[in-house]
Protein backbone atom coordinates (compact mmCIF):
# COMPACT_ATOMS: atom_id res chain seq x y z
CA MET A 1 -103.70 30.24 78.10
CA ILE A 2 -100.81 28.08 79.28
CA VAL A 3 -97.96 29.78 81.11
CA LEU A 4 -94.56 28.14 80.51
CA LEU A 5 -91.73 29.22 82.77
CA LEU A 6 -87.96 28.76 82.83
CA VAL A 7 -86.32 30.73 85.62
CA GLY A 8 -83.46 28.49 86.57
CA ALA A 9 -82.50 24.89 86.67
CA SER A 10 -80.67 22.80 89.17
CA ASP A 11 -78.60 19.79 88.40
CA CYS A 12 -79.47 16.20 88.99
CA GLN A 13 -76.00 14.79 89.48
CA LEU A 14 -77.40 11.57 90.89
CA TYR A 15 -78.66 10.80 87.38
CA GLY A 16 -75.68 12.33 85.60
CA VAL A 17 -77.55 15.45 84.45
CA SER A 18 -75.61 18.70 84.68
CA THR A 19 -77.24 22.07 85.33
CA PHE A 20 -76.75 23.02 81.67
CA MET A 21 -78.28 19.77 80.42
CA GLN A 22 -81.23 20.14 82.80
CA GLU A 23 -81.82 23.66 81.51
CA MET A 24 -81.69 22.47 77.90
CA LEU A 25 -84.17 19.66 78.69
CA GLU A 26 -86.56 22.11 80.34
CA THR A 27 -86.18 24.57 77.45
CA ALA A 28 -86.86 21.80 74.92
CA SER A 29 -89.98 20.85 76.85
CA ILE A 30 -91.20 24.46 76.80
CA LEU A 31 -90.53 24.87 73.08
CA LYS A 32 -92.18 21.56 72.25
CA GLY A 33 -95.30 22.28 74.29
CA ALA A 34 -95.73 25.96 73.50
CA THR A 35 -98.39 27.28 71.15
CA ASN A 36 -99.31 30.76 70.03
CA LYS A 37 -101.81 30.77 72.93
CA SER A 38 -99.07 30.18 75.52
CA PHE A 39 -97.30 32.83 77.54
CA ILE A 40 -93.60 32.03 77.87
CA ILE A 41 -91.27 33.42 80.51
CA ILE A 42 -87.59 32.61 80.07
CA ASN A 43 -84.91 34.03 82.34
CA GLU A 44 -81.29 33.75 81.23
CA PRO A 45 -81.52 30.97 78.65
CA ALA A 46 -78.27 29.08 78.14
CA HIS A 47 -76.86 30.78 81.22
CA GLY A 48 -73.13 30.40 81.49
CA THR A 49 -72.56 30.05 77.76
CA SER A 50 -71.10 32.42 75.22
CA THR A 51 -73.31 34.83 73.33
CA TYR A 52 -72.03 33.45 70.08
CA ASN A 53 -72.64 29.75 70.72
CA GLY A 54 -76.16 30.25 69.39
CA PHE A 55 -78.27 28.58 72.08
CA ALA A 56 -80.05 31.70 73.36
CA TRP A 57 -80.29 33.09 69.83
CA ALA A 58 -81.88 29.88 68.52
CA ILE A 59 -84.35 29.74 71.42
CA CYS A 60 -85.43 33.33 70.84
CA GLU A 61 -85.60 32.92 67.08
CA HIS A 62 -87.70 29.74 67.38
CA ILE A 63 -90.20 31.49 69.63
CA ILE A 64 -90.48 34.44 67.23
CA GLU A 65 -90.67 32.48 63.97
CA VAL A 66 -92.35 29.19 64.90
CA VAL A 67 -94.22 29.39 68.19
CA LYS A 68 -95.29 33.04 67.91
CA ALA A 69 -96.31 33.18 71.56
CA PRO A 70 -96.14 36.28 73.74
CA THR A 71 -92.85 35.98 75.61
CA LEU A 72 -90.94 37.67 78.39
CA PHE A 73 -87.32 36.91 77.56
CA ALA A 74 -84.72 38.17 80.04
CA THR A 75 -81.07 37.88 79.06
CA HIS A 76 -77.75 39.64 79.35
CA PHE A 77 -77.03 38.88 75.68
CA HIS A 78 -77.60 42.37 74.31
CA GLU A 79 -76.94 41.03 70.81
CA LEU A 80 -80.38 39.42 70.84
CA THR A 81 -81.98 42.85 70.56
CA SER A 82 -81.01 42.79 66.90
CA LEU A 83 -83.72 40.12 66.39
CA ALA A 84 -86.29 42.83 67.07
CA LEU A 85 -84.82 44.88 64.26
CA GLU A 86 -85.02 41.94 61.86
CA SER A 87 -88.61 41.04 62.75
CA THR A 88 -91.74 42.77 61.57
CA ASP A 89 -94.23 44.24 64.00
CA ASP A 90 -96.54 41.30 63.28
CA GLU A 91 -93.95 38.82 64.52
CA LEU A 92 -93.24 40.58 67.81
């Protein structure tokens, strides 16, 4: 089992990479490398963005529908709980 973790990102202003961009790069790396045998922990994906911009939703949806890995997904976007209602027990 591979544990993939995103709990916060810091910027790399020296290279012109903002905190948000660094977080998106780390998230992309997690999603690209994850398998159904991984365990993913993501804390506050797309932090500082609007609920409705779709970043956190897309991350969560991709994990449920494509990766299918056990995941601990912490977020203040309460709207994401509706994904649980749309998914079958087999997907969660």
